[in-house]
């Protein structure tokens, strides 16, 4: 699963779980899942998510474009441009 191979997938899941725990438990939940931040455990979580996605989800049909170009042409006597793709900030 290409989308699951995102660099920080497991970190994002852990962060969301920690934020949810903090909303529920306040400062008492500050250290929740800190032990999971160990690299081995993050990789294990990432592998499980990738496996689940491979078994249960369709592959994404979207993509990103690096260095997009604007194409200019003429339509009905008027100059038109393709929609430039917004680049990531």
PDB file of N, CA and C in Angstrom:
ATOM      1  N   UNK A   1       0.854  -1.181   0.000  1.00  0.00           N
ATOM      2  CA  UNK A   1       0.000   0.000   0.000  1.00  0.00           C
ATOM      3  C   UNK A   1       0.890   1.231   0.000  1.00  0.00           C
ATOM      4  N   UNK A   2       0.881   1.946  -1.108  1.00  0.00           N
ATOM      5  CA  UNK A   2       1.728   3.132  -1.224  1.00  0.00           C
ATOM      6  C   UNK A   2       1.374   4.209  -0.211  1.00  0.00           C
ATOM      7  N   UNK A   3       0.079   4.449  -0.020  1.00  0.00           N
ATOM      8  CA  UNK A   3      -0.330   5.496   0.906  1.00  0.00           C
ATOM      9  C   UNK A   3       0.114   5.170   2.323  1.00  0.00           C
ATOM     10  N   UNK A   4       0.138   3.891   2.662  1.00  0.00           N
ATOM     11  CA  UNK A   4       0.542   3.488   4.005  1.00  0.00           C
ATOM     12  C   UNK A   4       2.049   3.573   4.190  1.00  0.00           C
ATOM     13  N   UNK A   5       2.783   3.689   3.110  1.00  0.00           N
ATOM     14  CA  UNK A   5       4.226   3.800   3.217  1.00  0.00           C
ATOM     15  C   UNK A   5       4.669   5.230   3.470  1.00  0.00           C
ATOM     16  N   UNK A   6       3.713   6.103   3.747  1.00  0.00           N
ATOM     17  CA  UNK A   6       4.051   7.478   4.092  1.00  0.00           C
ATOM     18  C   UNK A   6       5.028   7.451   5.260  1.00  0.00           C
ATOM     19  N   UNK A   7       5.952   8.370   5.228  1.00  0.00           N
ATOM     20  CA  UNK A   7       7.079   8.371   6.161  1.00  0.00           C
ATOM     21  C   UNK A   7       6.663   8.330   7.638  1.00  0.00           C
ATOM     22  N   UNK A   8       5.617   9.023   7.985  1.00  0.00           N
ATOM     23  CA  UNK A   8       5.279   9.166   9.402  1.00  0.00           C
ATOM     24  C   UNK A   8       3.925   8.558   9.752  1.00  0.00           C
ATOM     25  N   UNK A   9       3.529   7.515   9.067  1.00  0.00           N
ATOM     26  CA  UNK A   9       2.210   6.937   9.288  1.00  0.00           C
ATOM     27  C   UNK A   9       1.986   6.522  10.734  1.00  0.00           C
ATOM     28  N   UNK A  10       2.887   5.733  11.277  1.00  0.00           N
ATOM     29  CA  UNK A  10       2.684   5.263  12.650  1.00  0.00           C
ATOM     30  C   UNK A  10       2.756   6.413  13.645  1.00  0.00           C
ATOM     31  N   UNK A  11       3.613   7.403  13.392  1.00  0.00           N
ATOM     32  CA  UNK A  11       3.694   8.562  14.280  1.00  0.00           C
ATOM     33  C   UNK A  11       2.368   9.316  14.315  1.00  0.00           C
ATOM     34  N   UNK A  12       1.723   9.429  13.153  1.00  0.00           N
ATOM     35  CA  UNK A  12       0.449  10.139  13.074  1.00  0.00           C
ATOM     36  C   UNK A  12      -0.628   9.415  13.875  1.00  0.00           C
ATOM     37  N   UNK A  13      -0.685   8.099  13.755  1.00  0.00           N
ATOM     38  CA  UNK A  13      -1.671   7.320  14.508  1.00  0.00           C
ATOM     39  C   UNK A  13      -1.423   7.463  16.004  1.00  0.00           C
ATOM     40  N   UNK A  14      -0.186   7.337  16.419  1.00  0.00           N
ATOM     41  CA  UNK A  14       0.151   7.461  17.841  1.00  0.00           C
ATOM     42  C   UNK A  14      -0.210   8.852  18.352  1.00  0.00           C
ATOM     43  N   UNK A  15       0.110   9.871  17.578  1.00  0.00           N
ATOM     44  CA  UNK A  15      -0.186  11.248  17.985  1.00  0.00           C
ATOM     45  C   UNK A  15      -1.695  11.455  18.146  1.00  0.00           C
ATOM     46  N   UNK A  16      -2.488  10.937  17.216  1.00  0.00           N
ATOM     47  CA  UNK A  16      -3.945  11.071  17.319  1.00  0.00           C
ATOM     48  C   UNK A  16      -4.476  10.363  18.565  1.00  0.00           C
ATOM     49  N   UNK A  17      -3.949   9.182  18.842  1.00  0.00           N
ATOM     50  CA  UNK A  17      -4.369   8.461  20.043  1.00  0.00           C
ATOM     51  C   UNK A  17      -3.975   9.214  21.307  1.00  0.00           C
ATOM     52  N   UNK A  18      -2.791   9.805  21.312  1.00  0.00           N
ATOM     53  CA  UNK A  18      -2.348  10.568  22.478  1.00  0.00           C
ATOM     54  C   UNK A  18      -3.217  11.816  22.674  1.00  0.00           C
ATOM     55  N   UNK A  19      -3.559  12.491  21.568  1.00  0.00           N
ATOM     56  CA  UNK A  19      -4.413  13.676  21.677  1.00  0.00           C
ATOM     57  C   UNK A  19      -5.787  13.305  22.218  1.00  0.00           C
ATOM     58  N   UNK A  20      -6.335  12.193  21.733  1.00  0.00           N
ATOM     59  CA  UNK A  20      -7.634  11.735  22.219  1.00  0.00           C
ATOM     60  C   UNK A  20      -7.568  11.397  23.707  1.00  0.00           C
ATOM     61  N   UNK A  21      -6.506  10.722  24.114  1.00  0.00           N
ATOM     62  CA  UNK A  21      -6.338  10.377  25.523  1.00  0.00           C
ATOM     63  C   UNK A  21      -6.232  11.640  26.374  1.00  0.00           C
ATOM     64  N   UNK A  22      -5.539  12.659  25.868  1.00  0.00           N
ATOM     65  CA  UNK A  22      -5.380  13.898  26.616  1.00  0.00           C
ATOM     66  C   UNK A  22      -6.716  14.624  26.760  1.00  0.00           C
ATOM     67  N   UNK A  23      -7.545  14.576  25.711  1.00  0.00           N
ATOM     68  CA  UNK A  23      -8.873  15.190  25.797  1.00  0.00           C
ATOM     69  C   UNK A  23      -9.716  14.516  26.872  1.00  0.00           C
ATOM     70  N   UNK A  24      -9.539  13.219  27.018  1.00  0.00           N
ATOM     71  CA  UNK A  24     -10.318  12.464  28.003  1.00  0.00           C
ATOM     72  C   UNK A  24      -9.714  12.582  29.398  1.00  0.00           C
ATOM     73  N   UNK A  25      -8.399  12.409  29.499  1.00  0.00           N
ATOM     74  CA  UNK A  25      -7.766  12.320  30.816  1.00  0.00           C
ATOM     75  C   UNK A  25      -6.948  13.514  31.232  1.00  0.00           C
ATOM     76  N   UNK A  26      -6.883  14.537  30.377  1.00  0.00           N
ATOM     77  CA  UNK A  26      -6.109  15.722  30.737  1.00  0.00           C
ATOM     78  C   UNK A  26      -4.648  15.398  30.975  1.00  0.00           C
ATOM     79  N   UNK A  27      -4.052  16.097  31.943  1.00  0.00           N
ATOM     80  CA  UNK A  27      -2.622  15.910  32.200  1.00  0.00           C
ATOM     81  C   UNK A  27      -2.278  14.508  32.687  1.00  0.00           C
ATOM     82  N   UNK A  28      -3.267  13.782  33.193  1.00  0.00           N
ATOM     83  CA  UNK A  28      -3.028  12.415  33.651  1.00  0.00           C
ATOM     84  C   UNK A  28      -2.665  11.508  32.480  1.00  0.00           C
ATOM     85  N   UNK A  29      -3.002  11.919  31.269  1.00  0.00           N
ATOM     86  CA  UNK A  29      -2.730  11.101  30.094  1.00  0.00           C
ATOM     87  C   UNK A  29      -1.482  11.580  29.335  1.00  0.00           C
ATOM     88  N   UNK A  30      -0.736  12.504  29.921  1.00  0.00           N
ATOM     89  CA  UNK A  30       0.415  13.093  29.214  1.00  0.00           C
ATOM     90  C   UNK A  30       1.432  12.066  28.720  1.00  0.00           C
ATOM     91  N   UNK A  31       1.646  11.001  29.446  1.00  0.00           N
ATOM     92  CA  UNK A  31       2.680  10.039  29.044  1.00  0.00           C
ATOM     93  C   UNK A  31       2.109   8.823  28.312  1.00  0.00           C
ATOM     94  N   UNK A  32       0.805   8.864  28.012  1.00  0.00           N
ATOM     95  CA  UNK A  32       0.160   7.733  27.342  1.00  0.00           C
ATOM     96  C   UNK A  32       0.833   7.446  26.004  1.00  0.00           C
ATOM     97  N   UNK A  33       1.223   6.234  25.772  1.00  0.00           N
ATOM     98  CA  UNK A  33       1.869   5.717  24.556  1.00  0.00           C
ATOM     99  C   UNK A  33       3.280   6.245  24.313  1.00  0.00           C
ATOM    100  N   UNK A  34       3.876   6.913  25.289  1.00  0.00           N
ATOM    101  CA  UNK A  34       5.262   7.371  25.108  1.00  0.00           C
ATOM    102  C   UNK A  34       6.197   6.200  24.858  1.00  0.00           C
ATOM    103  N   UNK A  35       5.920   5.062  25.477  1.00  0.00           N
ATOM    104  CA  UNK A  35       6.782   3.893  25.293  1.00  0.00           C
ATOM    105  C   UNK A  35       6.680   3.329  23.874  1.00  0.00           C
ATOM    106  N   UNK A  36       5.616   3.660  23.160  1.00  0.00           N
ATOM    107  CA  UNK A  36       5.424   3.158  21.803  1.00  0.00           C
ATOM    108  C   UNK A  36       6.257   3.961  20.798  1.00  0.00           C
ATOM    109  N   UNK A  37       6.795   5.060  21.230  1.00  0.00           N
ATOM    110  CA  UNK A  37       7.582   5.893  20.322  1.00  0.00           C
ATOM    111  C   UNK A  37       8.937   5.282  19.999  1.00  0.00           C
ATOM    112  N   UNK A  38       9.255   4.160  20.626  1.00  0.00           N
ATOM    113  CA  UNK A  38      10.478   3.434  20.301  1.00  0.00           C
ATOM    114  C   UNK A  38      10.363   2.959  18.857  1.00  0.00           C
ATOM    115  N   UNK A  39      11.429   3.090  18.102  1.00  0.00           N
ATOM    116  CA  UNK A  39      11.416   2.812  16.668  1.00  0.00           C
ATOM    117  C   UNK A  39      10.841   1.438  16.314  1.00  0.00           C
ATOM    118  N   UNK A  40      11.236   0.407  17.041  1.00  0.00           N
ATOM    119  CA  UNK A  40      10.749  -0.953  16.759  1.00  0.00           C
ATOM    120  C   UNK A  40       9.238  -1.036  16.852  1.00  0.00           C
ATOM    121  N   UNK A  41       8.693  -0.422  17.881  1.00  0.00           N
ATOM    122  CA  UNK A  41       7.253  -0.478  18.087  1.00  0.00           C
ATOM    123  C   UNK A  41       6.517   0.334  17.026  1.00  0.00           C
ATOM    124  N   UNK A  42       7.086   1.456  16.623  1.00  0.00           N
ATOM    125  CA  UNK A  42       6.471   2.253  15.549  1.00  0.00           C
ATOM    126  C   UNK A  42       6.432   1.456  14.263  1.00  0.00           C
ATOM    127  N   UNK A  43       7.531   0.793  13.939  1.00  0.00           N
ATOM    128  CA  UNK A  43       7.581  -0.005  12.712  1.00  0.00           C
ATOM    129  C   UNK A  43       6.592  -1.160  12.762  1.00  0.00           C
ATOM    130  N   UNK A  44       6.418  -1.748  13.942  1.00  0.00           N
ATOM    131  CA  UNK A  44       5.457  -2.830  14.103  1.00  0.00           C
ATOM    132  C   UNK A  44       4.034  -2.321  13.849  1.00  0.00           C
ATOM    133  N   UNK A  45       3.705  -1.163  14.394  1.00  0.00           N
ATOM    134  CA  UNK A  45       2.390  -0.558  14.168  1.00  0.00           C
ATOM    135  C   UNK A  45       2.192  -0.246  12.693  1.00  0.00           C
ATOM    136  N   UNK A  46       3.202   0.330  12.081  1.00  0.00           N
ATOM    137  CA  UNK A  46       3.113   0.663  10.658  1.00  0.00           C
ATOM    138  C   UNK A  46       2.852  -0.597   9.830  1.00  0.00           C
ATOM    139  N   UNK A  47       3.549  -1.680  10.131  1.00  0.00           N
ATOM    140  CA  UNK A  47       3.372  -2.934   9.396  1.00  0.00           C
ATOM    141  C   UNK A  47       1.951  -3.471   9.549  1.00  0.00           C
ATOM    142  N   UNK A  48       1.408  -3.364  10.753  1.00  0.00           N
ATOM    143  CA  UNK A  48       0.039  -3.838  10.987  1.00  0.00           C
ATOM    144  C   UNK A  48      -0.974  -3.000  10.205  1.00  0.00           C
ATOM    145  N   UNK A  49      -0.757  -1.690  10.169  1.00  0.00           N
ATOM    146  CA  UNK A  49      -1.662  -0.808   9.420  1.00  0.00           C
ATOM    147  C   UNK A  49      -1.568  -1.106   7.926  1.00  0.00           C
ATOM    148  N   UNK A  50      -0.363  -1.279   7.428  1.00  0.00           N
ATOM    149  CA  UNK A  50      -0.172  -1.600   6.012  1.00  0.00           C
ATOM    150  C   UNK A  50      -0.868  -2.916   5.672  1.00  0.00           C
ATOM    151  N   UNK A  51      -0.700  -3.927   6.513  1.00  0.00           N
ATOM    152  CA  UNK A  51      -1.362  -5.219   6.290  1.00  0.00           C
ATOM    153  C   UNK A  51      -2.872  -5.057   6.256  1.00  0.00           C
ATOM    154  N   UNK A  52      -3.410  -4.301   7.215  1.00  0.00           N
ATOM    155  CA  UNK A  52      -4.856  -4.104   7.276  1.00  0.00           C
ATOM    156  C   UNK A  52      -5.342  -3.395   6.010  1.00  0.00           C
ATOM    157  N   UNK A  53      -4.644  -2.348   5.589  1.00  0.00           N
ATOM    158  CA  UNK A  53      -5.041  -1.625   4.384  1.00  0.00           C
ATOM    159  C   UNK A  53      -4.978  -2.522   3.156  1.00  0.00           C
ATOM    160  N   UNK A  54      -3.925  -3.319   3.051  1.00  0.00           N
ATOM    161  CA  UNK A  54      -3.795  -4.229   1.908  1.00  0.00           C
ATOM    162  C   UNK A  54      -4.951  -5.220   1.843  1.00  0.00           C
ATOM    163  N   UNK A  55      -5.431  -5.670   2.996  1.00  0.00           N
ATOM    164  CA  UNK A  55      -6.509  -6.659   3.041  1.00  0.00           C
ATOM    165  C   UNK A  55      -7.901  -6.046   2.907  1.00  0.00           C
ATOM    166  N   UNK A  56      -8.057  -4.777   3.286  1.00  0.00           N
ATOM    167  CA  UNK A  56      -9.402  -4.214   3.419  1.00  0.00           C
ATOM    168  C   UNK A  56      -9.706  -2.965   2.599  1.00  0.00           C
ATOM    169  N   UNK A  57      -8.709  -2.341   2.036  1.00  0.00           N
ATOM    170  CA  UNK A  57      -8.954  -1.075   1.346  1.00  0.00           C
ATOM    171  C   UNK A  57      -8.446  -1.131  -0.089  1.00  0.00           C
ATOM    172  N   UNK A  58      -9.113  -0.385  -0.952  1.00  0.00           N
ATOM    173  CA  UNK A  58      -8.644  -0.280  -2.329  1.00  0.00           C
ATOM    174  C   UNK A  58      -7.426   0.632  -2.371  1.00  0.00           C
ATOM    175  N   UNK A  59      -6.583   0.412  -3.347  1.00  0.00           N
ATOM    176  CA  UNK A  59      -5.422   1.274  -3.525  1.00  0.00           C
ATOM    177  C   UNK A  59      -5.897   2.678  -3.908  1.00  0.00           C
ATOM    178  N   UNK A  60      -5.217   3.708  -3.450  1.00  0.00           N
ATOM    179  CA  UNK A  60      -5.601   5.069  -3.821  1.00  0.00           C
ATOM    180  C   UNK A  60      -5.501   5.272  -5.334  1.00  0.00           C
ATOM    181  N   UNK A  61      -6.357   6.129  -5.843  1.00  0.00           N
ATOM    182  CA  UNK A  61      -6.323   6.444  -7.275  1.00  0.00           C
ATOM    183  C   UNK A  61      -5.859   7.877  -7.508  1.00  0.00           C
ATOM    184  N   UNK A  62      -5.279   8.491  -6.503  1.00  0.00           N
ATOM    185  CA  UNK A  62      -4.782   9.857  -6.635  1.00  0.00           C
ATOM    186  C   UNK A  62      -3.260   9.860  -6.608  1.00  0.00           C
ATOM    187  N   UNK A  63      -2.694  10.987  -6.948  1.00  0.00           N
ATOM    188  CA  UNK A  63      -1.241  11.111  -6.974  1.00  0.00           C
ATOM    189  C   UNK A  63      -0.869  12.569  -6.780  1.00  0.00           C
ATOM    190  N   UNK A  64       0.403  12.823  -6.599  1.00  0.00           N
ATOM    191  CA  UNK A  64       0.897  14.192  -6.529  1.00  0.00           C
ATOM    192  C   UNK A  64       1.778  14.456  -7.729  1.00  0.00           C
ATOM    193  N   UNK A  65       1.865  15.698  -8.106  1.00  0.00           N
ATOM    194  CA  UNK A  65       2.691  16.093  -9.241  1.00  0.00           C
ATOM    195  C   UNK A  65       3.798  17.008  -8.739  1.00  0.00           C
ATOM    196  N   UNK A  66       5.009  16.678  -9.069  1.00  0.00           N
ATOM    197  CA  UNK A  66       6.152  17.509  -8.707  1.00  0.00           C
ATOM    198  C   UNK A  66       6.385  18.504  -9.840  1.00  0.00           C
ATOM    199  N   UNK A  67       6.581  19.757  -9.504  1.00  0.00           N
ATOM    200  CA  UNK A  67       6.879  20.804 -10.486  1.00  0.00           C
ATOM    201  C   UNK A  67       5.878  20.836 -11.642  1.00  0.00           C
ATOM    202  N   UNK A  68       4.590  21.051 -11.340  1.00  0.00           N
ATOM    203  CA  UNK A  68       3.592  21.077 -12.412  1.00  0.00           C
ATOM    204  C   UNK A  68       3.794  22.256 -13.345  1.00  0.00           C
ATOM    205  N   UNK A  69       3.331  22.109 -14.558  1.00  0.00           N
ATOM    206  CA  UNK A  69       3.420  23.200 -15.524  1.00  0.00           C
ATOM    207  C   UNK A  69       2.010  23.648 -15.894  1.00  0.00           C
ATOM    208  N   UNK A  70       1.904  24.905 -16.318  1.00  0.00           N
ATOM    209  CA  UNK A  70       0.634  25.449 -16.774  1.00  0.00           C
ATOM    210  C   UNK A  70       0.645  25.388 -18.298  1.00  0.00           C
ATOM    211  N   UNK A  71      -0.422  24.835 -18.850  1.00  0.00           N
ATOM    212  CA  UNK A  71      -0.527  24.733 -20.301  1.00  0.00           C
ATOM    213  C   UNK A  71      -1.470  25.826 -20.776  1.00  0.00           C
ATOM    214  N   UNK A  72      -0.994  26.612 -21.712  1.00  0.00           N
ATOM    215  CA  UNK A  72      -1.787  27.707 -22.263  1.00  0.00           C
ATOM    216  C   UNK A  72      -2.192  27.352 -23.686  1.00  0.00           C
ATOM    217  N   UNK A  73      -3.438  27.637 -24.024  1.00  0.00           N
ATOM    218  CA  UNK A  73      -3.923  27.370 -25.374  1.00  0.00           C
ATOM    219  C   UNK A  73      -5.061  28.312 -25.714  1.00  0.00           C
ATOM    220  N   UNK A  74      -5.686  28.069 -26.821  1.00  0.00           N
ATOM    221  CA  UNK A  74      -6.794  28.912 -27.275  1.00  0.00           C
ATOM    222  C   UNK A  74      -8.046  28.075 -27.407  1.00  0.00           C
ATOM    223  N   UNK A  75      -9.175  28.620 -26.932  1.00  0.00           N
ATOM    224  CA  UNK A  75     -10.459  27.951 -27.042  1.00  0.00           C
ATOM    225  C   UNK A  75     -11.508  28.998 -27.409  1.00  0.00           C
ATOM    226  N   UNK A  76     -12.161  28.774 -28.491  1.00  0.00           N
ATOM    227  CA  UNK A  76     -13.189  29.708 -28.948  1.00  0.00           C
ATOM    228  C   UNK A  76     -12.662  31.137 -29.035  1.00  0.00           C
ATOM    229  N   UNK A  77     -11.451  31.288 -29.527  1.00  0.00           N
ATOM    230  CA  UNK A  77     -10.846  32.605 -29.703  1.00  0.00           C
ATOM    231  C   UNK A  77     -10.327  33.249 -28.437  1.00  0.00           C
ATOM    232  N   UNK A  78     -10.374  32.542 -27.310  1.00  0.00           N
ATOM    233  CA  UNK A  78      -9.875  33.097 -26.052  1.00  0.00           C
ATOM    234  C   UNK A  78      -8.715  32.259 -25.534  1.00  0.00           C
ATOM    235  N   UNK A  79      -7.760  32.965 -24.945  1.00  0.00           N
ATOM    236  CA  UNK A  79      -6.628  32.258 -24.349  1.00  0.00           C
ATOM    237  C   UNK A  79      -7.098  31.612 -23.046  1.00  0.00           C
ATOM    238  N   UNK A  80      -6.757  30.342 -22.846  1.00  0.00           N
ATOM    239  CA  UNK A  80      -7.121  29.619 -21.627  1.00  0.00           C
ATOM    240  C   UNK A  80      -5.888  28.931 -21.071  1.00  0.00           C
ATOM    241  N   UNK A  81      -5.912  28.707 -19.767  1.00  0.00           N
ATOM    242  CA  UNK A  81      -4.809  28.008 -19.113  1.00  0.00           C
ATOM    243  C   UNK A  81      -5.356  26.816 -18.337  1.00  0.00           C
ATOM    244  N   UNK A  82      -4.549  25.783 -18.263  1.00  0.00           N
ATOM    245  CA  UNK A  82      -4.914  24.658 -17.409  1.00  0.00           C
ATOM    246  C   UNK A  82      -4.876  25.121 -15.974  1.00  0.00           C
ATOM    247  N   UNK A  83      -5.607  24.447 -15.120  1.00  0.00           N
ATOM    248  CA  UNK A  83      -5.569  24.785 -13.701  1.00  0.00           C
ATOM    249  C   UNK A  83      -4.237  24.352 -13.128  1.00  0.00           C
ATOM    250  N   UNK A  84      -3.433  25.288 -12.659  1.00  0.00           N
ATOM    251  CA  UNK A  84      -2.167  24.860 -12.041  1.00  0.00           C
ATOM    252  C   UNK A  84      -2.444  24.108 -10.748  1.00  0.00           C
ATOM    253  N   UNK A  85      -1.713  23.073 -10.521  1.00  0.00           N
ATOM    254  CA  UNK A  85      -1.848  22.283  -9.293  1.00  0.00           C
ATOM    255  C   UNK A  85      -1.210  23.056  -8.161  1.00  0.00           C
ATOM    256  N   UNK A  86      -1.917  23.184  -7.057  1.00  0.00           N
ATOM    257  CA  UNK A  86      -1.368  23.882  -5.901  1.00  0.00           C
ATOM    258  C   UNK A  86      -0.240  23.052  -5.316  1.00  0.00           C
ATOM    259  N   UNK A  87       0.884  23.678  -5.102  1.00  0.00           N
ATOM    260  CA  UNK A  87       2.014  22.952  -4.525  1.00  0.00           C
ATOM    261  C   UNK A  87       1.938  22.996  -3.020  1.00  0.00           C
ATOM    262  N   UNK A  88       2.507  21.984  -2.391  1.00  0.00           N
ATOM    263  CA  UNK A  88       2.544  21.929  -0.934  1.00  0.00           C
ATOM    264  C   UNK A  88       3.404  23.075  -0.420  1.00  0.00           C
ATOM    265  N   UNK A  89       2.983  23.636   0.691  1.00  0.00           N
ATOM    266  CA  UNK A  89       3.744  24.730   1.281  1.00  0.00           C
ATOM    267  C   UNK A  89       4.960  24.205   1.972  1.00  0.00           C
TER     268      UNK A  89
END
